[in-house]
Amino acid sequence: MLAFANLIHNALDVLVWIVILSVILNWLIVFGFVSGSNRLVYGLADVCDRISAFFLHPLQRVIPRLNGVDISPLVLILLIYFLQDLMNQLIHA
């Protein structure tokens, strides 16, 4: 049981990093620091966007933008950390 919980915890950690990388790559492309036509950048951004979009789209339907800023990645990361803490408390209780 502990190994399964560790697997889920690690998968959630990877998801957090994918969401962070997706946000940073989108910012870099939008602000022109990195070219979106570069195959490596485009491929990496596309993979991160597809993975994170699966979790972000339901949140984006519920959470409104604040002055044009999408805060759903932040909410998703906070929810993931909450789930990890909840799992740790249930396992160690």
N, C-alpha and C. Protein backbone atom coordinates (compact mmCIF):
# COMPACT_ATOMS: atom_id res chain seq x y z
N MET A 1 0.83 -1.20 0.00
CA MET A 1 0.00 0.00 0.00
C MET A 1 0.87 1.26 0.00
N LEU A 2 1.95 1.20 0.76
CA LEU A 2 2.84 2.36 0.85
C LEU A 2 3.52 2.64 -0.50
N ALA A 3 3.87 1.57 -1.21
CA ALA A 3 4.52 1.75 -2.51
C ALA A 3 3.56 2.40 -3.50
N PHE A 4 2.28 2.02 -3.47
CA PHE A 4 1.29 2.62 -4.35
C PHE A 4 1.09 4.09 -4.02
N ALA A 5 1.06 4.41 -2.74
CA ALA A 5 0.92 5.81 -2.33
C ALA A 5 2.13 6.63 -2.76
N ASN A 6 3.32 6.05 -2.66
CA ASN A 6 4.53 6.75 -3.12
C ASN A 6 4.50 6.96 -4.63
N LEU A 7 3.98 6.00 -5.36
CA LEU A 7 3.87 6.14 -6.81
C LEU A 7 2.93 7.29 -7.17
N ILE A 8 1.79 7.36 -6.51
CA ILE A 8 0.84 8.45 -6.77
C ILE A 8 1.45 9.79 -6.38
N HIS A 9 2.13 9.82 -5.23
CA HIS A 9 2.77 11.06 -4.77
C HIS A 9 3.80 11.55 -5.78
N ASN A 10 4.61 10.64 -6.29
CA ASN A 10 5.62 11.01 -7.28
C ASN A 10 4.99 11.43 -8.60
N ALA A 11 3.91 10.76 -9.01
CA ALA A 11 3.22 11.16 -10.24
C ALA A 11 2.63 12.57 -10.09
N LEU A 12 2.11 12.89 -8.92
CA LEU A 12 1.59 14.23 -8.68
C LEU A 12 2.71 15.27 -8.69
N ASP A 13 3.89 14.90 -8.17
CA ASP A 13 5.04 15.80 -8.23
C ASP A 13 5.43 16.09 -9.68
N VAL A 14 5.43 15.06 -10.51
CA VAL A 14 5.75 15.24 -11.93
C VAL A 14 4.71 16.14 -12.59
N LEU A 15 3.45 15.97 -12.24
CA LEU A 15 2.38 16.81 -12.80
C LEU A 15 2.58 18.27 -12.42
N VAL A 16 2.99 18.53 -11.19
CA VAL A 16 3.26 19.91 -10.77
C VAL A 16 4.35 20.51 -11.65
N TRP A 17 5.42 19.77 -11.89
CA TRP A 17 6.51 20.29 -12.71
C TRP A 17 6.09 20.48 -14.16
N ILE A 18 5.22 19.62 -14.66
CA ILE A 18 4.73 19.78 -16.03
C ILE A 18 3.90 21.04 -16.15
N VAL A 19 3.06 21.31 -15.15
CA VAL A 19 2.23 22.53 -15.17
C VAL A 19 3.12 23.76 -15.10
N ILE A 20 4.12 23.75 -14.23
CA ILE A 20 5.04 24.89 -14.10
C ILE A 20 5.80 25.10 -15.41
N LEU A 21 6.30 24.03 -15.99
CA LEU A 21 7.04 24.13 -17.26
C LEU A 21 6.14 24.63 -18.38
N SER A 22 4.90 24.18 -18.41
CA SER A 22 3.96 24.65 -19.42
C SER A 22 3.72 26.15 -19.31
N VAL A 23 3.52 26.64 -18.10
CA VAL A 23 3.29 28.07 -17.89
C VAL A 23 4.52 28.88 -18.30
N ILE A 24 5.70 28.43 -17.88
CA ILE A 24 6.93 29.17 -18.19
C ILE A 24 7.19 29.17 -19.70
N LEU A 25 7.01 28.03 -20.36
CA LEU A 25 7.23 27.98 -21.81
C LEU A 25 6.24 28.87 -22.55
N ASN A 26 4.99 28.88 -22.10
CA ASN A 26 4.01 29.76 -22.75
C ASN A 26 4.38 31.23 -22.57
N TRP A 27 4.84 31.60 -21.40
CA TRP A 27 5.28 32.99 -21.17
C TRP A 27 6.46 33.33 -22.07
N LEU A 28 7.44 32.42 -22.14
CA LEU A 28 8.62 32.68 -22.97
C LEU A 28 8.26 32.83 -24.44
N ILE A 29 7.31 32.03 -24.91
CA ILE A 29 6.89 32.13 -26.31
C ILE A 29 6.10 33.41 -26.54
N VAL A 30 5.17 33.73 -25.64
CA VAL A 30 4.33 34.92 -25.81
C VAL A 30 5.16 36.20 -25.76
N PHE A 31 6.13 36.27 -24.86
CA PHE A 31 6.93 37.48 -24.73
C PHE A 31 8.10 37.53 -25.71
N GLY A 32 8.27 36.50 -26.53
CA GLY A 32 9.26 36.53 -27.59
C GLY A 32 10.67 36.17 -27.18
N PHE A 33 10.86 35.61 -26.00
CA PHE A 33 12.21 35.21 -25.59
C PHE A 33 12.64 33.92 -26.26
N VAL A 34 11.65 33.09 -26.61
CA VAL A 34 11.92 31.82 -27.27
C VAL A 34 11.01 31.76 -28.49
N SER A 35 11.53 31.25 -29.59
CA SER A 35 10.75 31.16 -30.82
C SER A 35 9.83 29.94 -30.75
N GLY A 36 8.57 30.16 -31.03
CA GLY A 36 7.61 29.06 -31.07
C GLY A 36 7.78 28.19 -32.30
N SER A 37 8.54 28.66 -33.29
CA SER A 37 8.76 27.87 -34.49
C SER A 37 9.92 26.88 -34.34
N ASN A 38 10.66 26.98 -33.25
CA ASN A 38 11.72 26.01 -32.96
C ASN A 38 11.06 24.66 -32.66
N ARG A 39 11.50 23.61 -33.34
CA ARG A 39 10.86 22.30 -33.19
C ARG A 39 10.96 21.76 -31.77
N LEU A 40 12.09 21.91 -31.13
CA LEU A 40 12.26 21.39 -29.77
C LEU A 40 11.34 22.13 -28.80
N VAL A 41 11.34 23.44 -28.88
CA VAL A 41 10.51 24.26 -28.00
C VAL A 41 9.04 23.96 -28.26
N TYR A 42 8.65 23.92 -29.54
CA TYR A 42 7.26 23.66 -29.88
C TYR A 42 6.83 22.27 -29.39
N GLY A 43 7.67 21.28 -29.58
CA GLY A 43 7.34 19.92 -29.15
C GLY A 43 7.19 19.81 -27.65
N LEU A 44 8.12 20.42 -26.93
CA LEU A 44 8.08 20.39 -25.47
C LEU A 44 6.86 21.14 -24.94
N ALA A 45 6.60 22.31 -25.51
CA ALA A 45 5.43 23.10 -25.09
C ALA A 45 4.14 22.37 -25.42
N ASP A 46 4.09 21.70 -26.57
CA ASP A 46 2.89 20.98 -26.97
C ASP A 46 2.60 19.81 -26.03
N VAL A 47 3.62 19.05 -25.68
CA VAL A 47 3.43 17.92 -24.76
C VAL A 47 2.99 18.42 -23.38
N CYS A 48 3.64 19.45 -22.89
CA CYS A 48 3.27 20.00 -21.57
C CYS A 48 1.86 20.57 -21.59
N ASP A 49 1.49 21.26 -22.67
CA ASP A 49 0.15 21.83 -22.78
C ASP A 49 -0.92 20.74 -22.84
N ARG A 50 -0.65 19.68 -23.58
CA ARG A 50 -1.64 18.61 -23.69
C ARG A 50 -1.85 17.90 -22.35
N ILE A 51 -0.78 17.67 -21.62
CA ILE A 51 -0.91 16.99 -20.33
C ILE A 51 -1.59 17.91 -19.32
N SER A 52 -1.14 19.15 -19.23
CA SER A 52 -1.70 20.05 -18.23
C SER A 52 -3.12 20.49 -18.59
N ALA A 53 -3.45 20.57 -19.88
CA ALA A 53 -4.78 21.00 -20.30
C ALA A 53 -5.86 20.04 -19.82
N PHE A 54 -5.52 18.75 -19.75
CA PHE A 54 -6.48 17.76 -19.28
C PHE A 54 -6.95 18.09 -17.86
N PHE A 55 -6.07 18.62 -17.03
CA PHE A 55 -6.41 18.95 -15.65
C PHE A 55 -6.85 20.41 -15.50
N LEU A 56 -6.37 21.28 -16.37
CA LEU A 56 -6.67 22.70 -16.23
C LEU A 56 -8.02 23.11 -16.81
N HIS A 57 -8.47 22.47 -17.88
CA HIS A 57 -9.72 22.89 -18.53
C HIS A 57 -10.93 22.83 -17.60
N PRO A 58 -11.10 21.78 -16.79
CA PRO A 58 -12.23 21.82 -15.86
C PRO A 58 -12.14 22.99 -14.86
N LEU A 59 -10.94 23.31 -14.42
CA LEU A 59 -10.77 24.43 -13.50
C LEU A 59 -11.02 25.76 -14.19
N GLN A 60 -10.61 25.87 -15.45
CA GLN A 60 -10.77 27.13 -16.18
C GLN A 60 -12.24 27.43 -16.46
N ARG A 61 -13.09 26.40 -16.50
CA ARG A 61 -14.52 26.64 -16.67
C ARG A 61 -15.14 27.21 -15.40
N VAL A 62 -14.54 26.91 -14.25
CA VAL A 62 -15.11 27.33 -12.96
C VAL A 62 -14.48 28.62 -12.46
N ILE A 63 -13.18 28.76 -12.63
CA ILE A 63 -12.44 29.90 -12.08
C ILE A 63 -12.35 31.01 -13.13
N PRO A 64 -12.86 32.21 -12.80
CA PRO A 64 -12.76 33.30 -13.78
C PRO A 64 -11.34 33.87 -13.81
N ARG A 65 -11.03 34.52 -14.91
CA ARG A 65 -9.73 35.19 -15.03
C ARG A 65 -9.75 36.46 -14.19
N LEU A 66 -8.64 36.76 -13.57
CA LEU A 66 -8.50 37.98 -12.78
C LEU A 66 -7.71 39.00 -13.58
N ASN A 67 -8.41 40.00 -14.10
CA ASN A 67 -7.80 41.03 -14.94
C ASN A 67 -7.03 40.42 -16.11
N GLY A 68 -7.57 39.38 -16.70
CA GLY A 68 -6.94 38.73 -17.84
C GLY A 68 -5.89 37.71 -17.48
N VAL A 69 -5.66 37.47 -16.19
CA VAL A 69 -4.64 36.51 -15.76
C VAL A 69 -5.33 35.20 -15.36
N ASP A 70 -4.88 34.11 -15.94
CA ASP A 70 -5.42 32.80 -15.64
C ASP A 70 -4.71 32.24 -14.40
N ILE A 71 -5.46 32.07 -13.33
CA ILE A 71 -4.86 31.55 -12.09
C ILE A 71 -5.13 30.07 -11.89
N SER A 72 -5.72 29.41 -12.88
CA SER A 72 -6.03 27.98 -12.73
C SER A 72 -4.79 27.11 -12.52
N PRO A 73 -3.62 27.41 -13.13
CA PRO A 73 -2.44 26.59 -12.80
C PRO A 73 -2.06 26.68 -11.31
N LEU A 74 -2.18 27.85 -10.74
CA LEU A 74 -1.88 28.01 -9.32
C LEU A 74 -2.87 27.21 -8.48
N VAL A 75 -4.14 27.27 -8.82
CA VAL A 75 -5.16 26.52 -8.09
C VAL A 75 -4.92 25.02 -8.22
N LEU A 76 -4.56 24.57 -9.41
CA LEU A 76 -4.27 23.15 -9.63
C LEU A 76 -3.09 22.70 -8.77
N ILE A 77 -2.05 23.49 -8.74
CA ILE A 77 -0.88 23.13 -7.93
C ILE A 77 -1.24 23.08 -6.45
N LEU A 78 -2.04 24.03 -5.99
CA LEU A 78 -2.47 24.00 -4.59
C LEU A 78 -3.34 22.78 -4.30
N LEU A 79 -4.21 22.41 -5.23
CA LEU A 79 -5.02 21.21 -5.05
C LEU A 79 -4.16 19.95 -5.00
N ILE A 80 -3.14 19.89 -5.84
CA ILE A 80 -2.24 18.74 -5.83
C ILE A 80 -1.51 18.64 -4.51
N TYR A 81 -1.01 19.77 -4.00
CA TYR A 81 -0.34 19.75 -2.70
C TYR A 81 -1.30 19.34 -1.59
N PHE A 82 -2.56 19.79 -1.67
CA PHE A 82 -3.55 19.40 -0.69
C PHE A 82 -3.78 17.89 -0.72
N LEU A 83 -3.89 17.32 -1.94
CA LEU A 83 -4.07 15.88 -2.07
C LEU A 83 -2.88 15.11 -1.52
N GLN A 84 -1.68 15.61 -1.77
CA GLN A 84 -0.49 14.94 -1.24
C GLN A 84 -0.47 14.97 0.28
N ASP A 85 -0.81 16.10 0.87
CA ASP A 85 -0.86 16.19 2.33
C ASP A 85 -1.94 15.27 2.90
N LEU A 86 -3.08 15.24 2.24
CA LEU A 86 -4.16 14.37 2.70
C LEU A 86 -3.75 12.91 2.63
N MET A 87 -3.09 12.51 1.55
CA MET A 87 -2.61 11.13 1.44
C MET A 87 -1.61 10.82 2.54
N ASN A 88 -0.69 11.75 2.80
CA ASN A 88 0.31 11.51 3.86
C ASN A 88 -0.34 11.34 5.21
N GLN A 89 -1.36 12.15 5.50
CA GLN A 89 -2.04 12.04 6.80
C GLN A 89 -2.82 10.74 6.91
N LEU A 90 -3.45 10.30 5.82
CA LEU A 90 -4.20 9.05 5.86
C LEU A 90 -3.29 7.84 6.00
N ILE A 91 -2.13 7.90 5.39
CA ILE A 91 -1.20 6.77 5.45
C ILE A 91 -0.53 6.68 6.82
N HIS A 92 -0.16 7.82 7.36
CA HIS A 92 0.59 7.82 8.62
C HIS A 92 -0.31 7.88 9.85
N ALA A 93 -1.61 7.87 9.65
CA ALA A 93 -2.54 7.91 10.81
C ALA A 93 -2.77 6.53 11.37
